[in-house]
Amino acid sequence: MKKSAQSIVPMRNILGLALLSFAVTACGIPDSKRPDSGRIDIDPSPSAKQCYGELRKAGVRFSPLPNKNFAGGCSQIDAITMIDVGRYTDISNLGPIRCQLANKFAAWTEFAVRRAARQYLGSELVRIETMGSYSCRRVAGSNRLSEHGRANAIDISGFVLADGRRITLTKDWNGNRRERQFLRAIHKSACRRFGTVLSPDFNAAHRDHFHFDMGGNGYCR
């Protein structure tokens, strides 16, 4: 017995909607393909406004971003785009980042990384290389949303000095003495500033970068 066209079309629609629902809720979808579930048109929070002032005072160039929620529970709230970290220090490959994290990162750069570069390596810092900040994804091996999914984490892979040297976590975490001292010193300082700090000593997935976020309670490894 043949089914009528009227009974077939709704079934196709149901299947299509089910597939679409599955696609937009999976955090593995690249952000460029993820539907925006709605911009939140509100003024920056008082803490964000204070943070903007602190960044300007520190000489950091940045642009505030509109608050947004995305599918999968991801969001960019009180986020900014950092243009540099102050004092003509470039930063590469960095996406949206929450202002409070950016403020901690700028202070760490100024009072830890710059000083350690002079002390251990005898040169000025000119660029920090990152592996990004915002990324809508889960913590590996779990269903818990990563702090990257809230623009509340940053991964740092290397540092470029005025004399042309490039210090990387991959090459120098267990490299020559001076480079090791530099990286251990800035890691120790980061542990006093961020909620979670992970280094190549944590696991193989972090062999090439530092992970900093503001979601933890002082976990340092």
N, C-alpha and C. Protein backbone atom coordinates (compact mmCIF):
# COMPACT_ATOMS: atom_id res chain seq x y z
N MET A 1 0.84 -1.19 0.00
CA MET A 1 0.00 0.00 0.00
C MET A 1 0.87 1.24 0.00
N LYS A 2 0.63 2.19 -0.90
CA LYS A 2 1.47 3.39 -1.02
C LYS A 2 1.05 4.42 0.02
N LYS A 3 2.09 5.10 0.60
CA LYS A 3 1.81 6.19 1.53
C LYS A 3 1.54 7.45 0.75
N SER A 4 0.68 8.27 1.27
CA SER A 4 0.37 9.52 0.59
C SER A 4 1.51 10.50 0.74
N ALA A 5 1.58 11.48 -0.18
CA ALA A 5 2.63 12.51 -0.10
C ALA A 5 2.52 13.30 1.18
N GLN A 6 1.23 13.46 1.67
CA GLN A 6 1.06 14.24 2.90
C GLN A 6 1.72 13.58 4.09
N SER A 7 1.76 12.21 4.12
CA SER A 7 2.36 11.51 5.26
C SER A 7 3.86 11.47 5.17
N ILE A 8 4.44 11.56 3.95
CA ILE A 8 5.89 11.49 3.77
C ILE A 8 6.57 12.80 4.12
N VAL A 9 5.99 13.92 3.70
CA VAL A 9 6.63 15.22 3.89
C VAL A 9 6.84 15.56 5.35
N PRO A 10 5.82 15.39 6.23
CA PRO A 10 6.06 15.69 7.64
C PRO A 10 7.17 14.84 8.23
N MET A 11 7.27 13.56 7.85
CA MET A 11 8.33 12.71 8.38
C MET A 11 9.69 13.25 7.98
N ARG A 12 9.82 13.70 6.74
CA ARG A 12 11.10 14.28 6.31
C ARG A 12 11.42 15.54 7.11
N ASN A 13 10.40 16.34 7.35
CA ASN A 13 10.61 17.56 8.13
C ASN A 13 11.08 17.24 9.54
N ILE A 14 10.46 16.20 10.15
CA ILE A 14 10.85 15.82 11.51
C ILE A 14 12.29 15.36 11.55
N LEU A 15 12.69 14.52 10.58
CA LEU A 15 14.07 14.04 10.54
C LEU A 15 15.03 15.20 10.34
N GLY A 16 14.66 16.13 9.46
CA GLY A 16 15.54 17.27 9.22
C GLY A 16 15.73 18.12 10.46
N LEU A 17 14.64 18.36 11.18
CA LEU A 17 14.74 19.14 12.40
C LEU A 17 15.58 18.44 13.46
N ALA A 18 15.45 17.12 13.54
CA ALA A 18 16.23 16.35 14.52
C ALA A 18 17.72 16.47 14.22
N LEU A 19 18.08 16.34 12.94
CA LEU A 19 19.48 16.44 12.56
C LEU A 19 20.02 17.84 12.83
N LEU A 20 19.22 18.87 12.54
CA LEU A 20 19.66 20.24 12.79
C LEU A 20 19.88 20.48 14.26
N SER A 21 18.96 19.96 15.11
CA SER A 21 19.08 20.11 16.55
C SER A 21 20.36 19.47 17.06
N PHE A 22 20.67 18.27 16.56
CA PHE A 22 21.90 17.59 16.98
C PHE A 22 23.12 18.39 16.57
N ALA A 23 23.10 18.97 15.38
CA ALA A 23 24.27 19.71 14.87
C ALA A 23 24.56 20.94 15.68
N VAL A 24 23.54 21.73 16.02
CA VAL A 24 23.80 23.00 16.67
C VAL A 24 24.12 22.84 18.15
N THR A 25 23.82 21.69 18.75
CA THR A 25 24.13 21.51 20.16
C THR A 25 25.49 20.87 20.38
N ALA A 26 26.14 20.39 19.34
CA ALA A 26 27.47 19.79 19.50
C ALA A 26 28.51 20.89 19.53
N CYS A 27 29.34 20.93 20.60
CA CYS A 27 30.30 22.03 20.76
C CYS A 27 31.47 21.91 19.81
N GLY A 28 31.56 20.83 19.06
CA GLY A 28 32.67 20.69 18.14
C GLY A 28 32.52 21.46 16.86
N ILE A 29 31.36 22.10 16.62
CA ILE A 29 31.15 22.86 15.40
C ILE A 29 32.02 24.10 15.42
N PRO A 30 32.75 24.40 14.33
CA PRO A 30 33.55 25.62 14.29
C PRO A 30 32.66 26.82 14.55
N ASP A 31 33.22 27.85 15.23
CA ASP A 31 32.43 29.01 15.60
C ASP A 31 31.86 29.72 14.39
N SER A 32 32.56 29.70 13.25
CA SER A 32 32.08 30.39 12.07
C SER A 32 30.80 29.77 11.53
N LYS A 33 30.52 28.51 11.89
CA LYS A 33 29.32 27.82 11.41
C LYS A 33 28.25 27.71 12.49
N ARG A 34 28.56 28.18 13.69
CA ARG A 34 27.63 28.01 14.80
C ARG A 34 26.60 29.13 14.78
N PRO A 35 25.29 28.82 14.81
CA PRO A 35 24.29 29.88 14.82
C PRO A 35 24.38 30.71 16.09
N ASP A 36 24.26 32.03 15.95
CA ASP A 36 24.19 32.92 17.09
C ASP A 36 22.79 32.84 17.67
N SER A 37 22.67 32.50 18.95
CA SER A 37 21.35 32.34 19.54
C SER A 37 20.82 33.64 20.11
N GLY A 38 21.50 34.74 19.83
CA GLY A 38 20.95 36.02 20.24
C GLY A 38 21.95 36.89 20.99
N ARG A 39 22.12 38.09 20.51
CA ARG A 39 22.97 39.05 21.21
C ARG A 39 22.22 39.58 22.42
N ILE A 40 22.94 39.77 23.52
CA ILE A 40 22.33 40.33 24.72
C ILE A 40 22.60 41.83 24.72
N ASP A 41 21.60 42.62 24.43
CA ASP A 41 21.80 44.06 24.30
C ASP A 41 21.67 44.73 25.66
N ILE A 42 22.71 44.62 26.45
CA ILE A 42 22.74 45.27 27.76
C ILE A 42 24.04 46.03 27.87
N ASP A 43 24.05 47.02 28.77
CA ASP A 43 25.27 47.76 29.00
C ASP A 43 26.29 46.87 29.70
N PRO A 44 27.59 47.17 29.55
CA PRO A 44 28.59 46.39 30.28
C PRO A 44 28.32 46.45 31.78
N SER A 45 28.64 45.38 32.46
CA SER A 45 28.46 45.33 33.91
C SER A 45 29.39 46.34 34.58
N PRO A 46 29.09 46.74 35.83
CA PRO A 46 29.99 47.65 36.54
C PRO A 46 31.41 47.11 36.64
N SER A 47 31.54 45.79 36.83
CA SER A 47 32.89 45.22 36.92
C SER A 47 33.61 45.31 35.59
N ALA A 48 32.86 45.18 34.47
CA ALA A 48 33.48 45.32 33.16
C ALA A 48 33.94 46.74 32.92
N LYS A 49 33.11 47.72 33.30
CA LYS A 49 33.49 49.12 33.13
C LYS A 49 34.75 49.44 33.94
N GLN A 50 34.82 48.91 35.16
CA GLN A 50 36.02 49.11 35.97
C GLN A 50 37.22 48.46 35.30
N CYS A 51 37.01 47.27 34.74
CA CYS A 51 38.08 46.55 34.06
C CYS A 51 38.59 47.34 32.85
N TYR A 52 37.67 47.93 32.08
CA TYR A 52 38.09 48.74 30.93
C TYR A 52 39.03 49.87 31.39
N GLY A 53 38.65 50.52 32.49
CA GLY A 53 39.48 51.61 33.00
C GLY A 53 40.86 51.14 33.42
N GLU A 54 40.93 49.96 34.04
CA GLU A 54 42.21 49.43 34.49
C GLU A 54 43.11 49.07 33.30
N LEU A 55 42.50 48.52 32.25
CA LEU A 55 43.29 48.20 31.06
C LEU A 55 43.82 49.45 30.39
N ARG A 56 42.97 50.48 30.29
CA ARG A 56 43.43 51.74 29.69
C ARG A 56 44.56 52.35 30.50
N LYS A 57 44.43 52.30 31.81
CA LYS A 57 45.48 52.83 32.68
C LYS A 57 46.80 52.08 32.49
N ALA A 58 46.71 50.78 32.20
CA ALA A 58 47.91 49.95 31.98
C ALA A 58 48.47 50.12 30.57
N GLY A 59 47.80 50.90 29.73
CA GLY A 59 48.31 51.11 28.39
C GLY A 59 47.96 50.02 27.41
N VAL A 60 47.00 49.17 27.75
CA VAL A 60 46.58 48.08 26.87
C VAL A 60 45.58 48.62 25.85
N ARG A 61 45.79 48.32 24.59
CA ARG A 61 44.84 48.72 23.56
C ARG A 61 43.86 47.56 23.33
N PHE A 62 42.56 47.89 23.30
CA PHE A 62 41.54 46.85 23.18
C PHE A 62 40.26 47.45 22.64
N SER A 63 39.34 46.56 22.24
CA SER A 63 38.01 46.96 21.80
C SER A 63 36.98 46.12 22.54
N PRO A 64 36.01 46.73 23.24
CA PRO A 64 34.95 45.96 23.88
C PRO A 64 34.09 45.26 22.83
N LEU A 65 33.54 44.11 23.20
CA LEU A 65 32.69 43.33 22.29
C LEU A 65 31.28 43.24 22.87
N PRO A 66 30.27 43.11 22.01
CA PRO A 66 28.90 42.93 22.51
C PRO A 66 28.76 41.58 23.20
N ASN A 67 27.94 41.55 24.23
CA ASN A 67 27.66 40.30 24.92
C ASN A 67 26.88 39.37 24.00
N LYS A 68 27.25 38.08 24.00
CA LYS A 68 26.57 37.11 23.16
C LYS A 68 26.47 35.77 23.86
N ASN A 69 25.37 35.06 23.59
CA ASN A 69 25.21 33.66 23.94
C ASN A 69 25.22 32.85 22.66
N PHE A 70 25.77 31.63 22.73
CA PHE A 70 25.81 30.75 21.58
C PHE A 70 25.20 29.41 21.94
N ALA A 71 24.89 28.63 20.93
CA ALA A 71 24.40 27.28 21.15
C ALA A 71 25.44 26.47 21.92
N GLY A 72 24.96 25.45 22.64
CA GLY A 72 25.86 24.59 23.40
C GLY A 72 26.26 25.16 24.74
N GLY A 73 25.63 26.28 25.15
CA GLY A 73 25.95 26.88 26.45
C GLY A 73 27.12 27.82 26.43
N CYS A 74 27.71 28.06 25.27
CA CYS A 74 28.89 28.93 25.17
C CYS A 74 28.46 30.39 25.16
N SER A 75 29.40 31.27 25.55
CA SER A 75 29.07 32.69 25.64
C SER A 75 30.32 33.54 25.58
N GLN A 76 30.10 34.81 25.29
CA GLN A 76 31.13 35.85 25.37
C GLN A 76 30.51 37.02 26.12
N ILE A 77 30.72 37.05 27.43
CA ILE A 77 30.14 38.08 28.29
C ILE A 77 31.26 38.96 28.84
N ASP A 78 31.08 40.27 28.73
CA ASP A 78 32.11 41.24 29.16
C ASP A 78 33.45 40.94 28.49
N ALA A 79 33.39 40.57 27.22
CA ALA A 79 34.60 40.19 26.50
C ALA A 79 35.15 41.37 25.69
N ILE A 80 36.43 41.29 25.36
CA ILE A 80 37.10 42.31 24.57
C ILE A 80 37.97 41.64 23.52
N THR A 81 38.43 42.44 22.57
CA THR A 81 39.50 42.04 21.68
C THR A 81 40.75 42.81 22.09
N MET A 82 41.80 42.12 22.46
CA MET A 82 43.06 42.78 22.83
C MET A 82 43.87 43.03 21.57
N ILE A 83 44.30 44.27 21.39
CA ILE A 83 45.12 44.64 20.24
C ILE A 83 46.60 44.45 20.57
N ASP A 84 46.98 44.83 21.77
CA ASP A 84 48.32 44.53 22.26
C ASP A 84 48.26 44.44 23.78
N VAL A 85 49.40 44.11 24.40
CA VAL A 85 49.42 43.92 25.85
C VAL A 85 50.05 45.12 26.54
N GLY A 86 50.14 46.26 25.83
CA GLY A 86 50.77 47.45 26.39
C GLY A 86 52.24 47.52 26.04
N ARG A 87 52.76 48.74 26.02
CA ARG A 87 54.18 48.99 25.74
C ARG A 87 54.64 48.34 24.45
N TYR A 88 53.79 48.39 23.45
CA TYR A 88 54.15 47.91 22.11
C TYR A 88 54.48 46.42 22.07
N THR A 89 53.90 45.67 22.96
CA THR A 89 54.08 44.22 22.93
C THR A 89 52.90 43.59 22.19
N ASP A 90 53.19 42.97 21.06
CA ASP A 90 52.14 42.35 20.26
C ASP A 90 51.68 41.05 20.91
N ILE A 91 50.49 40.64 20.50
CA ILE A 91 49.97 39.34 20.91
C ILE A 91 49.33 38.70 19.70
N SER A 92 49.66 37.44 19.45
CA SER A 92 49.22 36.80 18.22
C SER A 92 48.11 35.79 18.48
N ASN A 93 47.21 35.67 17.49
CA ASN A 93 46.23 34.59 17.42
C ASN A 93 45.23 34.59 18.57
N LEU A 94 44.97 35.75 19.16
CA LEU A 94 44.07 35.81 20.32
C LEU A 94 42.68 36.25 19.88
N GLY A 95 41.66 35.47 20.28
CA GLY A 95 40.29 35.81 19.98
C GLY A 95 39.64 36.57 21.13
N PRO A 96 38.30 36.56 21.22
CA PRO A 96 37.61 37.23 22.32
C PRO A 96 38.06 36.67 23.67
N ILE A 97 38.19 37.56 24.63
CA ILE A 97 38.65 37.17 25.96
C ILE A 97 37.94 38.02 27.00
N ARG A 98 37.47 37.42 28.09
CA ARG A 98 36.79 38.19 29.13
C ARG A 98 37.73 39.24 29.70
N CYS A 99 37.16 40.41 29.98
CA CYS A 99 37.99 41.53 30.39
C CYS A 99 38.77 41.22 31.67
N GLN A 100 38.14 40.56 32.62
CA GLN A 100 38.84 40.27 33.88
C GLN A 100 40.06 39.38 33.64
N LEU A 101 39.93 38.40 32.74
CA LEU A 101 41.07 37.56 32.40
C LEU A 101 42.13 38.37 31.67
N ALA A 102 41.70 39.24 30.75
CA ALA A 102 42.64 40.09 30.02
C ALA A 102 43.42 40.98 30.97
N ASN A 103 42.75 41.49 32.00
CA ASN A 103 43.41 42.35 32.97
C ASN A 103 44.49 41.59 33.74
N LYS A 104 44.16 40.38 34.17
CA LYS A 104 45.16 39.54 34.85
C LYS A 104 46.33 39.21 33.91
N PHE A 105 45.99 38.93 32.66
CA PHE A 105 47.01 38.59 31.67
C PHE A 105 47.94 39.76 31.41
N ALA A 106 47.38 40.97 31.31
CA ALA A 106 48.20 42.16 31.09
C ALA A 106 49.14 42.41 32.27
N ALA A 107 48.63 42.23 33.50
CA ALA A 107 49.47 42.42 34.69
C ALA A 107 50.57 41.36 34.75
N TRP A 108 50.22 40.13 34.43
CA TRP A 108 51.23 39.06 34.39
C TRP A 108 52.32 39.39 33.37
N THR A 109 51.91 39.88 32.21
CA THR A 109 52.89 40.26 31.17
C THR A 109 53.83 41.33 31.68
N GLU A 110 53.25 42.37 32.30
CA GLU A 110 54.05 43.52 32.74
C GLU A 110 54.99 43.17 33.90
N PHE A 111 54.45 42.51 34.91
CA PHE A 111 55.21 42.34 36.15
C PHE A 111 55.91 41.00 36.29
N ALA A 112 55.63 40.07 35.40
CA ALA A 112 56.30 38.77 35.45
C ALA A 112 57.10 38.51 34.18
N VAL A 113 56.44 38.51 33.04
CA VAL A 113 57.12 38.10 31.81
C VAL A 113 58.21 39.09 31.41
N ARG A 114 57.90 40.39 31.41
CA ARG A 114 58.91 41.39 31.03
C ARG A 114 60.14 41.31 31.94
N ARG A 115 59.86 41.27 33.23
CA ARG A 115 60.97 41.26 34.19
C ARG A 115 61.80 39.99 34.09
N ALA A 116 61.13 38.87 33.91
CA ALA A 116 61.85 37.60 33.78
C ALA A 116 62.66 37.56 32.48
N ALA A 117 62.13 38.15 31.42
CA ALA A 117 62.88 38.19 30.16
C ALA A 117 64.18 38.97 30.32
N ARG A 118 64.10 40.10 31.03
CA ARG A 118 65.32 40.88 31.27
C ARG A 118 66.28 40.12 32.19
N GLN A 119 65.74 39.54 33.27
CA GLN A 119 66.59 38.91 34.27
C GLN A 119 67.28 37.65 33.76
N TYR A 120 66.53 36.78 33.10
CA TYR A 120 67.08 35.48 32.72
C TYR A 120 67.60 35.43 31.29
N LEU A 121 67.04 36.29 30.42
CA LEU A 121 67.39 36.19 29.00
C LEU A 121 68.08 37.44 28.47
N GLY A 122 68.10 38.51 29.28
CA GLY A 122 68.83 39.70 28.90
C GLY A 122 68.28 40.43 27.70
N SER A 123 66.98 40.37 27.48
CA SER A 123 66.38 41.03 26.32
C SER A 123 64.96 41.43 26.66
N GLU A 124 64.41 42.36 25.85
CA GLU A 124 63.04 42.82 26.06
C GLU A 124 62.04 41.92 25.34
N LEU A 125 60.86 41.80 25.92
CA LEU A 125 59.76 41.07 25.32
C LEU A 125 59.11 41.92 24.23
N VAL A 126 58.85 41.34 23.06
CA VAL A 126 58.17 42.09 22.00
C VAL A 126 56.88 41.42 21.53
N ARG A 127 56.72 40.14 21.77
CA ARG A 127 55.48 39.47 21.34
C ARG A 127 55.22 38.23 22.18
N ILE A 128 53.94 38.02 22.47
CA ILE A 128 53.49 36.78 23.10
C ILE A 128 52.65 36.02 22.08
N GLU A 129 52.99 34.76 21.89
CA GLU A 129 52.28 33.93 20.92
C GLU A 129 51.27 33.05 21.66
N THR A 130 50.04 33.05 21.18
CA THR A 130 49.00 32.26 21.83
C THR A 130 48.41 31.25 20.85
N MET A 131 47.67 30.31 21.41
CA MET A 131 46.91 29.34 20.62
C MET A 131 45.42 29.64 20.71
N GLY A 132 45.11 30.86 21.13
CA GLY A 132 43.72 31.30 21.15
C GLY A 132 43.12 31.39 22.53
N SER A 133 41.87 31.85 22.55
CA SER A 133 41.14 32.03 23.81
C SER A 133 39.75 31.41 23.68
N TYR A 134 38.80 32.12 23.07
CA TYR A 134 37.44 31.58 22.95
C TYR A 134 37.38 30.41 21.97
N SER A 135 36.77 29.32 22.42
CA SER A 135 36.49 28.18 21.56
C SER A 135 35.37 27.38 22.23
N CYS A 136 34.26 27.21 21.55
CA CYS A 136 33.13 26.52 22.15
C CYS A 136 33.39 25.01 22.14
N ARG A 137 33.83 24.49 23.27
CA ARG A 137 34.15 23.05 23.34
C ARG A 137 34.05 22.57 24.77
N ARG A 138 34.04 21.25 24.92
CA ARG A 138 34.01 20.61 26.23
C ARG A 138 35.42 20.33 26.71
N VAL A 139 35.56 20.14 28.02
CA VAL A 139 36.82 19.66 28.56
C VAL A 139 37.05 18.25 28.04
N ALA A 140 38.26 17.97 27.57
CA ALA A 140 38.56 16.67 26.97
C ALA A 140 38.18 15.53 27.92
N GLY A 141 37.44 14.56 27.39
CA GLY A 141 37.06 13.39 28.16
C GLY A 141 35.91 13.61 29.12
N SER A 142 35.18 14.74 28.98
CA SER A 142 34.07 15.01 29.89
C SER A 142 32.95 15.72 29.13
N ASN A 143 31.82 15.91 29.82
CA ASN A 143 30.72 16.69 29.26
C ASN A 143 30.69 18.11 29.82
N ARG A 144 31.73 18.48 30.57
CA ARG A 144 31.78 19.80 31.19
C ARG A 144 32.29 20.84 30.20
N LEU A 145 31.62 21.98 30.15
CA LEU A 145 32.02 23.04 29.24
C LEU A 145 33.37 23.61 29.65
N SER A 146 34.27 23.71 28.69
CA SER A 146 35.58 24.30 28.94
C SER A 146 35.43 25.80 29.22
N GLU A 147 36.36 26.35 30.02
CA GLU A 147 36.37 27.80 30.22
C GLU A 147 36.65 28.54 28.91
N HIS A 148 37.24 27.85 27.94
CA HIS A 148 37.39 28.45 26.62
C HIS A 148 36.02 28.78 26.02
N GLY A 149 35.01 28.00 26.35
CA GLY A 149 33.67 28.23 25.85
C GLY A 149 32.99 29.45 26.44
N ARG A 150 33.63 30.06 27.45
CA ARG A 150 33.13 31.30 28.06
C ARG A 150 34.09 32.47 27.80
N ALA A 151 35.05 32.27 26.90
CA ALA A 151 36.09 33.28 26.64
C ALA A 151 36.86 33.59 27.92
N ASN A 152 36.97 32.58 28.78
CA ASN A 152 37.55 32.77 30.11
C ASN A 152 38.85 31.98 30.28
N ALA A 153 39.49 31.64 29.15
CA ALA A 153 40.76 30.89 29.19
C ALA A 153 41.63 31.33 28.02
N ILE A 154 42.93 31.16 28.21
CA ILE A 154 43.89 31.52 27.17
C ILE A 154 45.01 30.49 27.17
N ASP A 155 45.48 30.12 25.99
CA ASP A 155 46.59 29.17 25.83
C ASP A 155 47.78 29.92 25.23
N ILE A 156 48.94 29.80 25.87
CA ILE A 156 50.12 30.56 25.48
C ILE A 156 51.23 29.60 25.08
N SER A 157 51.76 29.81 23.89
CA SER A 157 52.73 28.84 23.35
C SER A 157 54.16 29.36 23.25
N GLY A 158 54.36 30.67 23.21
CA GLY A 158 55.73 31.15 23.02
C GLY A 158 55.89 32.64 23.24
N PHE A 159 57.15 33.07 23.24
CA PHE A 159 57.52 34.46 23.51
C PHE A 159 58.64 34.85 22.55
N VAL A 160 58.54 36.06 21.98
CA VAL A 160 59.56 36.55 21.06
C VAL A 160 60.24 37.75 21.71
N LEU A 161 61.58 37.77 21.65
CA LEU A 161 62.38 38.81 22.28
C LEU A 161 62.90 39.80 21.26
N ALA A 162 63.34 40.95 21.77
CA ALA A 162 63.85 42.01 20.89
C ALA A 162 65.09 41.59 20.14
N ASP A 163 65.86 40.65 20.68
CA ASP A 163 67.08 40.21 20.00
C ASP A 163 66.80 39.11 18.97
N GLY A 164 65.52 38.80 18.76
CA GLY A 164 65.13 37.82 17.74
C GLY A 164 64.90 36.42 18.24
N ARG A 165 65.25 36.12 19.47
CA ARG A 165 65.03 34.79 19.99
C ARG A 165 63.55 34.50 20.19
N ARG A 166 63.19 33.25 19.98
CA ARG A 166 61.80 32.79 20.18
C ARG A 166 61.83 31.65 21.18
N ILE A 167 61.21 31.90 22.33
CA ILE A 167 61.16 30.91 23.40
C ILE A 167 59.81 30.22 23.34
N THR A 168 59.81 28.88 23.21
CA THR A 168 58.55 28.14 23.12
C THR A 168 58.47 27.09 24.21
N LEU A 169 57.23 26.74 24.57
CA LEU A 169 57.03 25.69 25.57
C LEU A 169 57.50 24.34 25.03
N THR A 170 57.30 24.11 23.74
CA THR A 170 57.69 22.83 23.15
C THR A 170 59.19 22.61 23.24
N LYS A 171 59.95 23.62 22.91
CA LYS A 171 61.41 23.49 22.78
C LYS A 171 62.14 23.78 24.09
N ASP A 172 61.61 24.71 24.89
CA ASP A 172 62.42 25.26 25.98
C ASP A 172 61.94 24.92 27.39
N TRP A 173 60.79 24.27 27.55
CA TRP A 173 60.36 23.91 28.89
C TRP A 173 61.41 23.03 29.57
N ASN A 174 62.01 22.14 28.82
CA ASN A 174 63.10 21.30 29.33
C ASN A 174 64.37 21.54 28.53
N GLY A 175 64.56 22.79 28.12
CA GLY A 175 65.71 23.15 27.30
C GLY A 175 66.89 23.63 28.10
N ASN A 176 67.56 24.65 27.59
CA ASN A 176 68.74 25.20 28.26
C ASN A 176 68.36 25.88 29.58
N ARG A 177 69.38 26.04 30.44
CA ARG A 177 69.12 26.50 31.81
C ARG A 177 68.40 27.84 31.85
N ARG A 178 68.86 28.83 31.10
CA ARG A 178 68.27 30.16 31.14
C ARG A 178 66.81 30.15 30.68
N GLU A 179 66.56 29.43 29.61
CA GLU A 179 65.18 29.35 29.11
C GLU A 179 64.28 28.62 30.10
N ARG A 180 64.81 27.56 30.72
CA ARG A 180 64.03 26.85 31.74
C ARG A 180 63.72 27.77 32.91
N GLN A 181 64.70 28.53 33.36
CA GLN A 181 64.48 29.44 34.48
C GLN A 181 63.43 30.48 34.16
N PHE A 182 63.50 31.02 32.96
CA PHE A 182 62.51 32.01 32.52
C PHE A 182 61.10 31.42 32.55
N LEU A 183 60.91 30.26 31.96
CA LEU A 183 59.58 29.67 31.89
C LEU A 183 59.07 29.24 33.25
N ARG A 184 59.95 28.72 34.11
CA ARG A 184 59.52 28.34 35.47
C ARG A 184 59.13 29.56 36.27
N ALA A 185 59.85 30.67 36.10
CA ALA A 185 59.55 31.89 36.85
C ALA A 185 58.19 32.46 36.47
N ILE A 186 57.89 32.51 35.18
CA ILE A 186 56.61 33.09 34.78
C ILE A 186 55.45 32.13 35.08
N HIS A 187 55.74 30.84 35.08
CA HIS A 187 54.72 29.86 35.48
C HIS A 187 54.37 30.04 36.95
N LYS A 188 55.38 30.21 37.79
CA LYS A 188 55.15 30.40 39.22
C LYS A 188 54.34 31.67 39.47
N SER A 189 54.65 32.74 38.75
CA SER A 189 53.89 33.98 38.90
C SER A 189 52.45 33.80 38.44
N ALA A 190 52.25 33.08 37.36
CA ALA A 190 50.88 32.85 36.86
C ALA A 190 50.03 32.13 37.89
N CYS A 191 50.64 31.22 38.64
CA CYS A 191 49.89 30.46 39.64
C CYS A 191 49.36 31.35 40.76
N ARG A 192 49.93 32.53 40.93
CA ARG A 192 49.45 33.47 41.94
C ARG A 192 48.36 34.39 41.40
N ARG A 193 48.11 34.34 40.09
CA ARG A 193 47.19 35.29 39.48
C ARG A 193 45.91 34.66 38.92
N PHE A 194 46.02 33.45 38.38
CA PHE A 194 44.90 32.85 37.66
C PHE A 194 44.26 31.73 38.48
N GLY A 195 43.00 31.41 38.14
CA GLY A 195 42.29 30.36 38.86
C GLY A 195 42.83 28.97 38.59
N THR A 196 43.23 28.71 37.35
CA THR A 196 43.82 27.44 36.95
C THR A 196 45.01 27.71 36.05
N VAL A 197 46.12 27.04 36.33
CA VAL A 197 47.32 27.15 35.50
C VAL A 197 47.81 25.75 35.20
N LEU A 198 47.92 25.43 33.91
CA LEU A 198 48.42 24.12 33.48
C LEU A 198 49.63 24.31 32.59
N SER A 199 50.64 23.47 32.78
CA SER A 199 51.89 23.56 32.04
C SER A 199 52.18 22.22 31.36
N PRO A 200 53.30 22.10 30.66
CA PRO A 200 53.65 20.80 30.08
C PRO A 200 53.79 19.69 31.11
N ASP A 201 53.98 20.02 32.38
CA ASP A 201 54.07 19.00 33.43
C ASP A 201 52.72 18.39 33.76
N PHE A 202 51.62 19.01 33.30
CA PHE A 202 50.29 18.50 33.64
C PHE A 202 49.96 17.23 32.88
N ASN A 203 50.02 17.29 31.55
CA ASN A 203 49.79 16.09 30.73
C ASN A 203 50.28 16.35 29.30
N ALA A 204 50.22 15.33 28.48
CA ALA A 204 50.74 15.42 27.12
C ALA A 204 49.98 16.45 26.28
N ALA A 205 48.70 16.65 26.58
CA ALA A 205 47.91 17.60 25.81
C ALA A 205 48.38 19.03 26.00
N HIS A 206 49.14 19.29 27.08
CA HIS A 206 49.65 20.63 27.36
C HIS A 206 51.16 20.72 27.16
N ARG A 207 51.71 19.81 26.39
CA ARG A 207 53.16 19.78 26.19
C ARG A 207 53.68 21.02 25.46
N ASP A 208 52.78 21.74 24.75
CA ASP A 208 53.24 22.86 23.92
C ASP A 208 52.67 24.20 24.34
N HIS A 209 52.02 24.27 25.53
CA HIS A 209 51.46 25.56 25.92
C HIS A 209 51.14 25.63 27.41
N PHE A 210 51.03 26.86 27.90
CA PHE A 210 50.42 27.13 29.20
C PHE A 210 48.92 27.34 28.97
N HIS A 211 48.11 26.82 29.89
CA HIS A 211 46.69 27.12 29.91
C HIS A 211 46.40 27.93 31.17
N PHE A 212 45.80 29.12 31.00
CA PHE A 212 45.38 29.95 32.12
C PHE A 212 43.88 30.16 32.02
N ASP A 213 43.17 30.05 33.15
CA ASP A 213 41.76 30.44 33.16
C ASP A 213 41.39 30.98 34.53
N MET A 214 40.20 31.60 34.58
CA MET A 214 39.73 32.20 35.83
C MET A 214 38.63 31.38 36.47
N GLY A 215 38.42 30.15 36.00
CA GLY A 215 37.34 29.35 36.50
C GLY A 215 37.69 28.45 37.67
N GLY A 216 38.97 28.30 37.96
CA GLY A 216 39.40 27.38 39.02
C GLY A 216 39.57 28.07 40.35
N ASN A 217 40.10 27.32 41.30
CA ASN A 217 40.32 27.83 42.66
C ASN A 217 41.77 27.71 43.08
N GLY A 218 42.67 28.10 42.17
CA GLY A 218 44.08 28.10 42.52
C GLY A 218 44.80 26.82 42.17
N TYR A 219 44.26 26.03 41.23
CA TYR A 219 44.95 24.80 40.82
C TYR A 219 46.13 25.17 39.95
N CYS A 220 47.31 24.65 40.31
CA CYS A 220 48.55 24.97 39.61
C CYS A 220 49.34 23.70 39.38
N ARG A 221 49.68 23.47 38.12
CA ARG A 221 50.46 22.28 37.80
C ARG A 221 51.38 22.55 36.61
